[in-house]
Amino acid sequence: RQKILVALRGEEVASRFDMAPEAWLGTYREGEGFTNEKTVVLPQASAENLCRLIVSEGVNTVVCGGIEQEYYDYLTWKKINVVDFVVGSLDEVKKRIASGTLKAGNILVKRAGESTDELSEE
């Protein structure tokens, strides 16, 4: 099972980890899907608040946009998988988690006339 946190701004992955005003939390189990889903509004956007939430909730996978090296290093030192430089909506991130295809650097934004299967894999 994976306990996941996605750093959000609205329904999108926040472009910067330290500027995310909210976070989506959920547990994913193969064959069962997502459970225990909730959105947490942070008292103020900060990397410290987000790290505290990640550790206190027992998260093992973090999905975010850009993240400063010191926080990336701290989270990986805590044995947390950080999937960074992700661009897109929470729904697209959840689809990628469920299909096992979410990778750092994924750009999950549809352009006119494009299906999600053709999205950037860089």
PDB file of N, CA and C in Angstrom:
ATOM      1  N   ARG A   1       0.844  -1.189   0.000  1.00  0.00           N
ATOM      2  CA  ARG A   1       0.000   0.000   0.000  1.00  0.00           C
ATOM      3  C   ARG A   1       0.875   1.234   0.000  1.00  0.00           C
ATOM      4  N   GLN A   2       0.382   2.259  -0.664  1.00  0.00           N
ATOM      5  CA  GLN A   2       1.105   3.528  -0.724  1.00  0.00           C
ATOM      6  C   GLN A   2       0.283   4.602  -0.043  1.00  0.00           C
ATOM      7  N   LYS A   3       0.879   5.328   0.867  1.00  0.00           N
ATOM      8  CA  LYS A   3       0.236   6.517   1.437  1.00  0.00           C
ATOM      9  C   LYS A   3       0.837   7.697   0.683  1.00  0.00           C
ATOM     10  N   ILE A   4      -0.015   8.442  -0.016  1.00  0.00           N
ATOM     11  CA  ILE A   4       0.443   9.445  -0.970  1.00  0.00           C
ATOM     12  C   ILE A   4       0.015  10.839  -0.545  1.00  0.00           C
ATOM     13  N   LEU A   5       0.890  11.808  -0.785  1.00  0.00           N
ATOM     14  CA  LEU A   5       0.538  13.215  -0.626  1.00  0.00           C
ATOM     15  C   LEU A   5       0.854  13.915  -1.937  1.00  0.00           C
ATOM     16  N   VAL A   6      -0.114  14.703  -2.426  1.00  0.00           N
ATOM     17  CA  VAL A   6       0.099  15.524  -3.615  1.00  0.00           C
ATOM     18  C   VAL A   6       0.011  16.982  -3.174  1.00  0.00           C
ATOM     19  N   ALA A   7       1.087  17.745  -3.395  1.00  0.00           N
ATOM     20  CA  ALA A   7       1.108  19.174  -3.065  1.00  0.00           C
ATOM     21  C   ALA A   7       0.266  19.911  -4.103  1.00  0.00           C
ATOM     22  N   LEU A   8      -0.774  20.609  -3.646  1.00  0.00           N
ATOM     23  CA  LEU A   8      -1.751  21.204  -4.566  1.00  0.00           C
ATOM     24  C   LEU A   8      -1.864  22.718  -4.468  1.00  0.00           C
ATOM     25  N   ARG A   9      -2.313  23.290  -5.585  1.00  0.00           N
ATOM     26  CA  ARG A   9      -2.853  24.644  -5.645  1.00  0.00           C
ATOM     27  C   ARG A   9      -4.147  24.469  -6.428  1.00  0.00           C
ATOM     28  N   GLY A  10      -5.269  24.486  -5.718  1.00  0.00           N
ATOM     29  CA  GLY A  10      -6.550  24.179  -6.360  1.00  0.00           C
ATOM     30  C   GLY A  10      -6.595  22.703  -6.722  1.00  0.00           C
ATOM     31  N   GLU A  11      -6.940  22.403  -7.973  1.00  0.00           N
ATOM     32  CA  GLU A  11      -7.011  21.005  -8.428  1.00  0.00           C
ATOM     33  C   GLU A  11      -5.734  20.569  -9.141  1.00  0.00           C
ATOM     34  N   GLU A  12      -4.746  21.450  -9.180  1.00  0.00           N
ATOM     35  CA  GLU A  12      -3.499  21.177  -9.910  1.00  0.00           C
ATOM     36  C   GLU A  12      -2.343  20.934  -8.946  1.00  0.00           C
ATOM     37  N   VAL A  13      -1.359  20.179  -9.416  1.00  0.00           N
ATOM     38  CA  VAL A  13      -0.120  20.026  -8.649  1.00  0.00           C
ATOM     39  C   VAL A  13       0.499  21.422  -8.546  1.00  0.00           C
ATOM     40  N   ALA A  14       0.841  21.843  -7.335  1.00  0.00           N
ATOM     41  CA  ALA A  14       1.451  23.165  -7.145  1.00  0.00           C
ATOM     42  C   ALA A  14       2.790  23.215  -7.868  1.00  0.00           C
ATOM     43  N   SER A  15       3.063  24.330  -8.539  1.00  0.00           N
ATOM     44  CA  SER A  15       4.314  24.423  -9.305  1.00  0.00           C
ATOM     45  C   SER A  15       5.538  24.404  -8.393  1.00  0.00           C
ATOM     46  N   ARG A  16       5.353  24.872  -7.145  1.00  0.00           N
ATOM     47  CA  ARG A  16       6.453  24.830  -6.176  1.00  0.00           C
ATOM     48  C   ARG A  16       5.976  24.191  -4.881  1.00  0.00           C
ATOM     49  N   PHE A  17       6.758  23.264  -4.365  1.00  0.00           N
ATOM     50  CA  PHE A  17       6.471  22.546  -3.121  1.00  0.00           C
ATOM     51  C   PHE A  17       6.214  23.514  -1.970  1.00  0.00           C
ATOM     52  N   ASP A  18       7.075  24.536  -1.848  1.00  0.00           N
ATOM     53  CA  ASP A  18       6.972  25.467  -0.718  1.00  0.00           C
ATOM     54  C   ASP A  18       5.833  26.473  -0.849  1.00  0.00           C
ATOM     55  N   MET A  19       5.166  26.501  -1.999  1.00  0.00           N
ATOM     56  CA  MET A  19       4.068  27.441  -2.224  1.00  0.00           C
ATOM     57  C   MET A  19       2.705  26.744  -2.285  1.00  0.00           C
ATOM     58  N   ALA A  20       2.652  25.471  -1.933  1.00  0.00           N
ATOM     59  CA  ALA A  20       1.390  24.722  -1.995  1.00  0.00           C
ATOM     60  C   ALA A  20       0.514  25.089  -0.793  1.00  0.00           C
ATOM     61  N   PRO A  21      -0.667  25.677  -1.040  1.00  0.00           N
ATOM     62  CA  PRO A  21      -1.535  26.043   0.080  1.00  0.00           C
ATOM     63  C   PRO A  21      -2.332  24.858   0.626  1.00  0.00           C
ATOM     64  N   GLU A  22      -2.361  23.771  -0.128  1.00  0.00           N
ATOM     65  CA  GLU A  22      -3.100  22.596   0.332  1.00  0.00           C
ATOM     66  C   GLU A  22      -2.427  21.319  -0.154  1.00  0.00           C
ATOM     67  N   ALA A  23      -2.904  20.210   0.401  1.00  0.00           N
ATOM     68  CA  ALA A  23      -2.338  18.914   0.041  1.00  0.00           C
ATOM     69  C   ALA A  23      -3.449  17.876   0.023  1.00  0.00           C
ATOM     70  N   TRP A  24      -3.399  16.999  -0.972  1.00  0.00           N
ATOM     71  CA  TRP A  24      -4.314  15.858  -1.032  1.00  0.00           C
ATOM     72  C   TRP A  24      -3.577  14.664  -0.451  1.00  0.00           C
ATOM     73  N   LEU A  25      -4.276  13.932   0.406  1.00  0.00           N
ATOM     74  CA  LEU A  25      -3.718  12.715   0.996  1.00  0.00           C
ATOM     75  C   LEU A  25      -4.634  11.554   0.660  1.00  0.00           C
ATOM     76  N   GLY A  26      -4.051  10.417   0.388  1.00  0.00           N
ATOM     77  CA  GLY A  26      -4.845   9.224   0.126  1.00  0.00           C
ATOM     78  C   GLY A  26      -3.974   7.986   0.205  1.00  0.00           C
ATOM     79  N   THR A  27      -4.638   6.854   0.335  1.00  0.00           N
ATOM     80  CA  THR A  27      -3.944   5.571   0.355  1.00  0.00           C
ATOM     81  C   THR A  27      -4.325   4.832  -0.916  1.00  0.00           C
ATOM     82  N   TYR A  28      -3.326   4.272  -1.604  1.00  0.00           N
ATOM     83  CA  TYR A  28      -3.601   3.491  -2.808  1.00  0.00           C
ATOM     84  C   TYR A  28      -3.179   2.052  -2.584  1.00  0.00           C
ATOM     85  N   ARG A  29      -4.116   1.151  -2.859  1.00  0.00           N
ATOM     86  CA  ARG A  29      -3.809  -0.284  -2.826  1.00  0.00           C
ATOM     87  C   ARG A  29      -4.152  -0.867  -4.183  1.00  0.00           C
ATOM     88  N   GLU A  30      -3.218  -1.630  -4.729  1.00  0.00           N
ATOM     89  CA  GLU A  30      -3.427  -2.327  -5.998  1.00  0.00           C
ATOM     90  C   GLU A  30      -4.713  -3.144  -5.907  1.00  0.00           C
ATOM     91  N   GLY A  31      -5.589  -2.989  -6.887  1.00  0.00           N
ATOM     92  CA  GLY A  31      -6.823  -3.768  -6.913  1.00  0.00           C
ATOM     93  C   GLY A  31      -7.953  -3.176  -6.087  1.00  0.00           C
ATOM     94  N   GLU A  32      -7.641  -2.260  -5.182  1.00  0.00           N
ATOM     95  CA  GLU A  32      -8.677  -1.642  -4.344  1.00  0.00           C
ATOM     96  C   GLU A  32      -8.874  -0.170  -4.664  1.00  0.00           C
ATOM     97  N   GLY A  33      -7.892   0.444  -5.299  1.00  0.00           N
ATOM     98  CA  GLY A  33      -7.996   1.863  -5.617  1.00  0.00           C
ATOM     99  C   GLY A  33      -7.626   2.750  -4.436  1.00  0.00           C
ATOM    100  N   PHE A  34      -8.186   3.960  -4.436  1.00  0.00           N
ATOM    101  CA  PHE A  34      -7.856   4.961  -3.424  1.00  0.00           C
ATOM    102  C   PHE A  34      -8.841   4.924  -2.266  1.00  0.00           C
ATOM    103  N   THR A  35      -8.318   5.035  -1.054  1.00  0.00           N
ATOM    104  CA  THR A  35      -9.149   5.122   0.147  1.00  0.00           C
ATOM    105  C   THR A  35      -8.587   6.229   1.036  1.00  0.00           C
ATOM    106  N   ASN A  36      -9.323   6.562   2.075  1.00  0.00           N
ATOM    107  CA  ASN A  36      -8.894   7.573   3.058  1.00  0.00           C
ATOM    108  C   ASN A  36      -8.457   8.878   2.394  1.00  0.00           C
ATOM    109  N   GLU A  37      -9.207   9.302   1.378  1.00  0.00           N
ATOM    110  CA  GLU A  37      -8.841  10.528   0.669  1.00  0.00           C
ATOM    111  C   GLU A  37      -9.289  11.753   1.457  1.00  0.00           C
ATOM    112  N   LYS A  38      -8.405  12.740   1.538  1.00  0.00           N
ATOM    113  CA  LYS A  38      -8.781  14.009   2.167  1.00  0.00           C
ATOM    114  C   LYS A  38      -7.880  15.109   1.637  1.00  0.00           C
ATOM    115  N   THR A  39      -8.394  16.323   1.670  1.00  0.00           N
ATOM    116  CA  THR A  39      -7.597  17.486   1.301  1.00  0.00           C
ATOM    117  C   THR A  39      -7.373  18.300   2.561  1.00  0.00           C
ATOM    118  N   VAL A  40      -6.129  18.656   2.798  1.00  0.00           N
ATOM    119  CA  VAL A  40      -5.752  19.418   3.985  1.00  0.00           C
ATOM    120  C   VAL A  40      -5.330  20.811   3.533  1.00  0.00           C
ATOM    121  N   VAL A  41      -5.946  21.831   4.133  1.00  0.00           N
ATOM    122  CA  VAL A  41      -5.540  23.209   3.860  1.00  0.00           C
ATOM    123  C   VAL A  41      -4.499  23.577   4.911  1.00  0.00           C
ATOM    124  N   LEU A  42      -3.340  24.005   4.451  1.00  0.00           N
ATOM    125  CA  LEU A  42      -2.253  24.349   5.371  1.00  0.00           C
ATOM    126  C   LEU A  42      -2.492  25.730   5.978  1.00  0.00           C
ATOM    127  N   PRO A  43      -2.117  25.921   7.245  1.00  0.00           N
ATOM    128  CA  PRO A  43      -2.305  27.230   7.877  1.00  0.00           C
ATOM    129  C   PRO A  43      -1.574  28.326   7.103  1.00  0.00           C
ATOM    130  N   GLN A  44      -0.441  27.957   6.514  1.00  0.00           N
ATOM    131  CA  GLN A  44       0.256  28.857   5.592  1.00  0.00           C
ATOM    132  C   GLN A  44       1.153  27.983   4.726  1.00  0.00           C
ATOM    133  N   ALA A  45       1.288  28.385   3.466  1.00  0.00           N
ATOM    134  CA  ALA A  45       2.099  27.591   2.543  1.00  0.00           C
ATOM    135  C   ALA A  45       3.561  27.668   2.961  1.00  0.00           C
ATOM    136  N   SER A  46       4.143  26.527   3.291  1.00  0.00           N
ATOM    137  CA  SER A  46       5.580  26.485   3.572  1.00  0.00           C
ATOM    138  C   SER A  46       6.062  25.049   3.457  1.00  0.00           C
ATOM    139  N   ALA A  47       7.309  24.905   3.051  1.00  0.00           N
ATOM    140  CA  ALA A  47       7.898  23.575   2.916  1.00  0.00           C
ATOM    141  C   ALA A  47       7.956  22.879   4.274  1.00  0.00           C
ATOM    142  N   GLU A  48       8.210  23.650   5.343  1.00  0.00           N
ATOM    143  CA  GLU A  48       8.289  23.063   6.689  1.00  0.00           C
ATOM    144  C   GLU A  48       6.946  22.466   7.100  1.00  0.00           C
ATOM    145  N   ASN A  49       5.852  23.225   6.876  1.00  0.00           N
ATOM    146  CA  ASN A  49       4.510  22.717   7.209  1.00  0.00           C
ATOM    147  C   ASN A  49       4.199  21.446   6.431  1.00  0.00           C
ATOM    148  N   LEU A  50       4.549  21.439   5.160  1.00  0.00           N
ATOM    149  CA  LEU A  50       4.287  20.280   4.315  1.00  0.00           C
ATOM    150  C   LEU A  50       5.109  19.076   4.781  1.00  0.00           C
ATOM    151  N   CYS A  51       6.381  19.285   5.090  1.00  0.00           N
ATOM    152  CA  CYS A  51       7.233  18.188   5.582  1.00  0.00           C
ATOM    153  C   CYS A  51       6.694  17.627   6.896  1.00  0.00           C
ATOM    154  N   ARG A  52       6.242  18.512   7.785  1.00  0.00           N
ATOM    155  CA  ARG A  52       5.684  18.079   9.068  1.00  0.00           C
ATOM    156  C   ARG A  52       4.453  17.195   8.831  1.00  0.00           C
ATOM    157  N   LEU A  53       3.583  17.629   7.918  1.00  0.00           N
ATOM    158  CA  LEU A  53       2.377  16.867   7.582  1.00  0.00           C
ATOM    159  C   LEU A  53       2.750  15.509   6.977  1.00  0.00           C
ATOM    160  N   ILE A  54       3.708  15.497   6.075  1.00  0.00           N
ATOM    161  CA  ILE A  54       4.154  14.266   5.408  1.00  0.00           C
ATOM    162  C   ILE A  54       4.636  13.243   6.434  1.00  0.00           C
ATOM    163  N   VAL A  55       5.471  13.693   7.361  1.00  0.00           N
ATOM    164  CA  VAL A  55       6.026  12.792   8.375  1.00  0.00           C
ATOM    165  C   VAL A  55       4.945  12.353   9.362  1.00  0.00           C
ATOM    166  N   SER A  56       4.106  13.296   9.825  1.00  0.00           N
ATOM    167  CA  SER A  56       3.090  12.943  10.829  1.00  0.00           C
ATOM    168  C   SER A  56       2.020  12.008  10.266  1.00  0.00           C
ATOM    169  N   GLU A  57       1.755  12.088   8.969  1.00  0.00           N
ATOM    170  CA  GLU A  57       0.739  11.235   8.341  1.00  0.00           C
ATOM    171  C   GLU A  57       1.313   9.894   7.873  1.00  0.00           C
ATOM    172  N   GLY A  58       2.633   9.713   7.985  1.00  0.00           N
ATOM    173  CA  GLY A  58       3.240   8.448   7.552  1.00  0.00           C
ATOM    174  C   GLY A  58       3.220   8.254   6.047  1.00  0.00           C
ATOM    175  N   VAL A  59       3.317   9.359   5.311  1.00  0.00           N
ATOM    176  CA  VAL A  59       3.306   9.324   3.846  1.00  0.00           C
ATOM    177  C   VAL A  59       4.578   8.640   3.342  1.00  0.00           C
ATOM    178  N   ASN A  60       4.441   7.801   2.287  1.00  0.00           N
ATOM    179  CA  ASN A  60       5.647   7.218   1.696  1.00  0.00           C
ATOM    180  C   ASN A  60       5.892   7.632   0.246  1.00  0.00           C
ATOM    181  N   THR A  61       4.953   8.372  -0.362  1.00  0.00           N
ATOM    182  CA  THR A  61       5.161   8.916  -1.706  1.00  0.00           C
ATOM    183  C   THR A  61       4.638  10.345  -1.749  1.00  0.00           C
ATOM    184  N   VAL A  62       5.479  11.268  -2.221  1.00  0.00           N
ATOM    185  CA  VAL A  62       5.098  12.675  -2.365  1.00  0.00           C
ATOM    186  C   VAL A  62       5.150  13.022  -3.846  1.00  0.00           C
ATOM    187  N   VAL A  63       4.086  13.664  -4.341  1.00  0.00           N
ATOM    188  CA  VAL A  63       4.046  14.136  -5.723  1.00  0.00           C
ATOM    189  C   VAL A  63       4.013  15.661  -5.663  1.00  0.00           C
ATOM    190  N   CYS A  64       4.935  16.295  -6.396  1.00  0.00           N
ATOM    191  CA  CYS A  64       5.003  17.750  -6.336  1.00  0.00           C
ATOM    192  C   CYS A  64       5.576  18.307  -7.634  1.00  0.00           C
ATOM    193  N   GLY A  65       5.573  19.640  -7.723  1.00  0.00           N
ATOM    194  CA  GLY A  65       6.237  20.327  -8.830  1.00  0.00           C
ATOM    195  C   GLY A  65       7.703  20.481  -8.457  1.00  0.00           C
ATOM    196  N   GLY A  66       8.210  21.704  -8.565  1.00  0.00           N
ATOM    197  CA  GLY A  66       9.596  21.959  -8.173  1.00  0.00           C
ATOM    198  C   GLY A  66       9.754  21.892  -6.663  1.00  0.00           C
ATOM    199  N   ILE A  67      10.881  21.379  -6.202  1.00  0.00           N
ATOM    200  CA  ILE A  67      11.147  21.265  -4.765  1.00  0.00           C
ATOM    201  C   ILE A  67      12.613  21.614  -4.521  1.00  0.00           C
ATOM    202  N   GLU A  68      12.861  22.410  -3.484  1.00  0.00           N
ATOM    203  CA  GLU A  68      14.239  22.776  -3.160  1.00  0.00           C
ATOM    204  C   GLU A  68      15.017  21.536  -2.741  1.00  0.00           C
ATOM    205  N   GLN A  69      16.293  21.516  -3.085  1.00  0.00           N
ATOM    206  CA  GLN A  69      17.150  20.361  -2.819  1.00  0.00           C
ATOM    207  C   GLN A  69      17.142  19.943  -1.350  1.00  0.00           C
ATOM    208  N   GLU A  70      17.159  20.920  -0.424  1.00  0.00           N
ATOM    209  CA  GLU A  70      17.234  20.549   1.000  1.00  0.00           C
ATOM    210  C   GLU A  70      15.999  19.762   1.445  1.00  0.00           C
ATOM    211  N   TYR A  71      14.823  20.088   0.907  1.00  0.00           N
ATOM    212  CA  TYR A  71      13.602  19.360   1.283  1.00  0.00           C
ATOM    213  C   TYR A  71      13.544  18.012   0.574  1.00  0.00           C
ATOM    214  N   TYR A  72      13.998  17.984  -0.679  1.00  0.00           N
ATOM    215  CA  TYR A  72      14.091  16.715  -1.410  1.00  0.00           C
ATOM    216  C   TYR A  72      15.011  15.758  -0.648  1.00  0.00           C
ATOM    217  N   ASP A  73      16.169  16.265  -0.244  1.00  0.00           N
ATOM    218  CA  ASP A  73      17.135  15.438   0.496  1.00  0.00           C
ATOM    219  C   ASP A  73      16.566  14.966   1.829  1.00  0.00           C
ATOM    220  N   TYR A  74      15.877  15.862   2.541  1.00  0.00           N
ATOM    221  CA  TYR A  74      15.284  15.509   3.833  1.00  0.00           C
ATOM    222  C   TYR A  74      14.262  14.378   3.660  1.00  0.00           C
ATOM    223  N   LEU A  75      13.369  14.531   2.679  1.00  0.00           N
ATOM    224  CA  LEU A  75      12.318  13.527   2.468  1.00  0.00           C
ATOM    225  C   LEU A  75      12.907  12.187   2.030  1.00  0.00           C
ATOM    226  N   THR A  76      13.875  12.212   1.129  1.00  0.00           N
ATOM    227  CA  THR A  76      14.470  10.944   0.691  1.00  0.00           C
ATOM    228  C   THR A  76      15.268  10.305   1.827  1.00  0.00           C
ATOM    229  N   TRP A  77      15.880  11.118   2.679  1.00  0.00           N
ATOM    230  CA  TRP A  77      16.574  10.602   3.868  1.00  0.00           C
ATOM    231  C   TRP A  77      15.580   9.904   4.794  1.00  0.00           C
ATOM    232  N   LYS A  78      14.336  10.414   4.829  1.00  0.00           N
ATOM    233  CA  LYS A  78      13.271   9.803   5.631  1.00  0.00           C
ATOM    234  C   LYS A  78      12.650   8.597   4.907  1.00  0.00           C
ATOM    235  N   LYS A  79      13.272   8.170   3.798  1.00  0.00           N
ATOM    236  CA  LYS A  79      12.815   7.013   3.005  1.00  0.00           C
ATOM    237  C   LYS A  79      11.467   7.265   2.323  1.00  0.00           C
ATOM    238  N   ILE A  80      11.230   8.517   1.957  1.00  0.00           N
ATOM    239  CA  ILE A  80       9.999   8.885   1.257  1.00  0.00           C
ATOM    240  C   ILE A  80      10.338   9.055  -0.223  1.00  0.00           C
ATOM    241  N   ASN A  81       9.538   8.423  -1.084  1.00  0.00           N
ATOM    242  CA  ASN A  81       9.714   8.519  -2.528  1.00  0.00           C
ATOM    243  C   ASN A  81       9.170   9.871  -2.984  1.00  0.00           C
ATOM    244  N   VAL A  82      10.008  10.698  -3.613  1.00  0.00           N
ATOM    245  CA  VAL A  82       9.587  12.016  -4.096  1.00  0.00           C
ATOM    246  C   VAL A  82       9.505  11.975  -5.619  1.00  0.00           C
ATOM    247  N   VAL A  83       8.300  12.202  -6.148  1.00  0.00           N
ATOM    248  CA  VAL A  83       8.081  12.262  -7.594  1.00  0.00           C
ATOM    249  C   VAL A  83       7.907  13.745  -7.910  1.00  0.00           C
ATOM    250  N   ASP A  84       8.994  14.378  -8.379  1.00  0.00           N
ATOM    251  CA  ASP A  84       8.969  15.832  -8.546  1.00  0.00           C
ATOM    252  C   ASP A  84       8.869  16.260 -10.007  1.00  0.00           C
ATOM    253  N   PHE A  85       8.729  17.558 -10.190  1.00  0.00           N
ATOM    254  CA  PHE A  85       8.572  18.192 -11.503  1.00  0.00           C
ATOM    255  C   PHE A  85       7.386  17.623 -12.278  1.00  0.00           C
ATOM    256  N   VAL A  86       6.309  17.328 -11.544  1.00  0.00           N
ATOM    257  CA  VAL A  86       5.073  16.847 -12.167  1.00  0.00           C
ATOM    258  C   VAL A  86       4.166  18.052 -12.403  1.00  0.00           C
ATOM    259  N   VAL A  87       3.585  18.132 -13.595  1.00  0.00           N
ATOM    260  CA  VAL A  87       2.650  19.193 -13.947  1.00  0.00           C
ATOM    261  C   VAL A  87       1.340  18.531 -14.337  1.00  0.00           C
ATOM    262  N   GLY A  88       0.226  18.987 -13.758  1.00  0.00           N
ATOM    263  CA  GLY A  88      -1.070  18.447 -14.151  1.00  0.00           C
ATOM    264  C   GLY A  88      -2.070  18.469 -13.020  1.00  0.00           C
ATOM    265  N   SER A  89      -3.232  17.890 -13.292  1.00  0.00           N
ATOM    266  CA  SER A  89      -4.323  17.888 -12.319  1.00  0.00           C
ATOM    267  C   SER A  89      -4.202  16.696 -11.376  1.00  0.00           C
ATOM    268  N   LEU A  90      -4.842  16.830 -10.236  1.00  0.00           N
ATOM    269  CA  LEU A  90      -4.887  15.729  -9.278  1.00  0.00           C
ATOM    270  C   LEU A  90      -5.483  14.484  -9.930  1.00  0.00           C
ATOM    271  N   ASP A  91      -6.546  14.647 -10.731  1.00  0.00           N
ATOM    272  CA  ASP A  91      -7.172  13.491 -11.391  1.00  0.00           C
ATOM    273  C   ASP A  91      -6.186  12.746 -12.285  1.00  0.00           C
ATOM    274  N   GLU A  92      -5.399  13.491 -13.063  1.00  0.00           N
ATOM    275  CA  GLU A  92      -4.416  12.851 -13.948  1.00  0.00           C
ATOM    276  C   GLU A  92      -3.335  12.145 -13.136  1.00  0.00           C
ATOM    277  N   VAL A  93      -2.902  12.770 -12.036  1.00  0.00           N
ATOM    278  CA  VAL A  93      -1.894  12.149 -11.171  1.00  0.00           C
ATOM    279  C   VAL A  93      -2.434  10.833 -10.618  1.00  0.00           C
ATOM    280  N   LYS A  94      -3.685  10.842 -10.154  1.00  0.00           N
ATOM    281  CA  LYS A  94      -4.286   9.624  -9.594  1.00  0.00           C
ATOM    282  C   LYS A  94      -4.397   8.526 -10.648  1.00  0.00           C
ATOM    283  N   LYS A  95      -4.746   8.901 -11.889  1.00  0.00           N
ATOM    284  CA  LYS A  95      -4.814   7.904 -12.972  1.00  0.00           C
ATOM    285  C   LYS A  95      -3.446   7.276 -13.205  1.00  0.00           C
ATOM    286  N   ARG A  96      -2.392   8.108 -13.190  1.00  0.00           N
ATOM    287  CA  ARG A  96      -1.032   7.602 -13.404  1.00  0.00           C
ATOM    288  C   ARG A  96      -0.577   6.719 -12.244  1.00  0.00           C
ATOM    289  N   ILE A  97      -0.947   7.084 -11.018  1.00  0.00           N
ATOM    290  CA  ILE A  97      -0.595   6.249  -9.863  1.00  0.00           C
ATOM    291  C   ILE A  97      -1.260   4.884 -10.017  1.00  0.00           C
ATOM    292  N   ALA A  98      -2.545   4.890 -10.358  1.00  0.00           N
ATOM    293  CA  ALA A  98      -3.309   3.644 -10.496  1.00  0.00           C
ATOM    294  C   ALA A  98      -2.742   2.756 -11.600  1.00  0.00           C
ATOM    295  N   SER A  99      -2.249   3.370 -12.681  1.00  0.00           N
ATOM    296  CA  SER A  99      -1.703   2.570 -13.787  1.00  0.00           C
ATOM    297  C   SER A  99      -0.214   2.271 -13.597  1.00  0.00           C
ATOM    298  N   GLY A 100       0.379   2.813 -12.529  1.00  0.00           N
ATOM    299  CA  GLY A 100       1.797   2.560 -12.265  1.00  0.00           C
ATOM    300  C   GLY A 100       2.741   3.278 -13.207  1.00  0.00           C
ATOM    301  N   THR A 101       2.259   4.360 -13.839  1.00  0.00           N
ATOM    302  CA  THR A 101       3.077   5.041 -14.844  1.00  0.00           C
ATOM    303  C   THR A 101       3.506   6.451 -14.446  1.00  0.00           C
ATOM    304  N   LEU A 102       3.278   6.856 -13.202  1.00  0.00           N
ATOM    305  CA  LEU A 102       3.682   8.202 -12.784  1.00  0.00           C
ATOM    306  C   LEU A 102       5.194   8.260 -12.602  1.00  0.00           C
ATOM    307  N   LYS A 103       5.819   9.253 -13.273  1.00  0.00           N
ATOM    308  CA  LYS A 103       7.270   9.415 -13.168  1.00  0.00           C
ATOM    309  C   LYS A 103       7.598  10.885 -12.941  1.00  0.00           C
ATOM    310  N   ALA A 104       8.759  11.143 -12.338  1.00  0.00           N
ATOM    311  CA  ALA A 104       9.239  12.517 -12.187  1.00  0.00           C
ATOM    312  C   ALA A 104       9.309  13.161 -13.569  1.00  0.00           C
ATOM    313  N   GLY A 105       8.889  14.408 -13.650  1.00  0.00           N
ATOM    314  CA  GLY A 105       8.947  15.134 -14.915  1.00  0.00           C
ATOM    315  C   GLY A 105       7.738  14.939 -15.807  1.00  0.00           C
ATOM    316  N   ASN A 106       6.740  14.145 -15.378  1.00  0.00           N
ATOM    317  CA  ASN A 106       5.536  13.955 -16.196  1.00  0.00           C
ATOM    318  C   ASN A 106       4.803  15.285 -16.378  1.00  0.00           C
ATOM    319  N   ILE A 107       4.432  15.570 -17.611  1.00  0.00           N
ATOM    320  CA  ILE A 107       3.596  16.728 -17.899  1.00  0.00           C
ATOM    321  C   ILE A 107       2.251  16.178 -18.334  1.00  0.00           C
ATOM    322  N   LEU A 108       1.273  16.289 -17.425  1.00  0.00           N
ATOM    323  CA  LEU A 108      -0.026  15.647 -17.632  1.00  0.00           C
ATOM    324  C   LEU A 108      -1.081  16.686 -17.989  1.00  0.00           C
ATOM    325  N   VAL A 109      -0.785  17.468 -19.008  1.00  0.00           N
ATOM    326  CA  VAL A 109      -1.689  18.535 -19.410  1.00  0.00           C
ATOM    327  C   VAL A 109      -2.113  18.266 -20.840  1.00  0.00           C
ATOM    328  N   LYS A 110      -3.417  18.199 -21.057  1.00  0.00           N
ATOM    329  CA  LYS A 110      -3.921  17.967 -22.413  1.00  0.00           C
ATOM    330  C   LYS A 110      -3.855  19.263 -23.205  1.00  0.00           C
ATOM    331  N   ARG A 111      -3.408  19.148 -24.430  1.00  0.00           N
ATOM    332  CA  ARG A 111      -3.486  20.274 -25.354  1.00  0.00           C
ATOM    333  C   ARG A 111      -4.626  19.948 -26.312  1.00  0.00           C
ATOM    334  N   ALA A 112      -5.135  20.932 -26.987  1.00  0.00           N
ATOM    335  CA  ALA A 112      -6.264  20.723 -27.893  1.00  0.00           C
ATOM    336  C   ALA A 112      -5.973  19.573 -28.853  1.00  0.00           C
ATOM    337  N   GLY A 113      -6.909  18.643 -28.973  1.00  0.00           N
ATOM    338  CA  GLY A 113      -6.781  17.544 -29.924  1.00  0.00           C
ATOM    339  C   GLY A 113      -5.807  16.453 -29.521  1.00  0.00           C
ATOM    340  N   GLU A 114      -5.402  16.428 -28.283  1.00  0.00           N
ATOM    341  CA  GLU A 114      -4.410  15.438 -27.831  1.00  0.00           C
ATOM    342  C   GLU A 114      -5.056  14.538 -26.782  1.00  0.00           C
ATOM    343  N   SER A 115      -4.788  13.253 -26.861  1.00  0.00           N
ATOM    344  CA  SER A 115      -5.303  12.365 -25.812  1.00  0.00           C
ATOM    345  C   SER A 115      -4.247  12.239 -24.729  1.00  0.00           C
ATOM    346  N   THR A 116      -4.647  11.809 -23.543  1.00  0.00           N
ATOM    347  CA  THR A 116      -3.680  11.705 -22.444  1.00  0.00           C
ATOM    348  C   THR A 116      -2.628  10.647 -22.734  1.00  0.00           C
ATOM    349  N   ASP A 117      -2.882   9.727 -23.655  1.00  0.00           N
ATOM    350  CA  ASP A 117      -1.893   8.698 -23.981  1.00  0.00           C
ATOM    351  C   ASP A 117      -0.678   9.293 -24.697  1.00  0.00           C
ATOM    352  N   GLU A 118      -0.879  10.467 -25.313  1.00  0.00           N
ATOM    353  CA  GLU A 118       0.196  11.085 -26.084  1.00  0.00           C
ATOM    354  C   GLU A 118       0.988  12.085 -25.255  1.00  0.00           C
ATOM    355  N   LEU A 119       0.696  12.182 -23.969  1.00  0.00           N
ATOM    356  CA  LEU A 119       1.326  13.210 -23.149  1.00  0.00           C
ATOM    357  C   LEU A 119       2.813  12.967 -22.968  1.00  0.00           C
ATOM    358  N   SER A 120       3.497  14.028 -22.653  1.00  0.00           N
ATOM    359  CA  SER A 120       4.957  14.017 -22.491  1.00  0.00           C
ATOM    360  C   SER A 120       5.434  12.949 -21.528  1.00  0.00           C
ATOM    361  N   GLU A 121       6.458  12.236 -21.936  1.00  0.00           N
ATOM    362  CA  GLU A 121       7.061  11.196 -21.087  1.00  0.00           C
ATOM    363  C   GLU A 121       8.480  11.582 -20.705  1.00  0.00           C
ATOM    364  N   GLU A 122       8.838  12.872 -20.865  1.00  0.00           N
ATOM    365  CA  GLU A 122      10.216  13.300 -20.581  1.00  0.00           C
ATOM    366  C   GLU A 122      10.535  13.195 -19.123  1.00  0.00           C
TER     367      GLU A 122
END
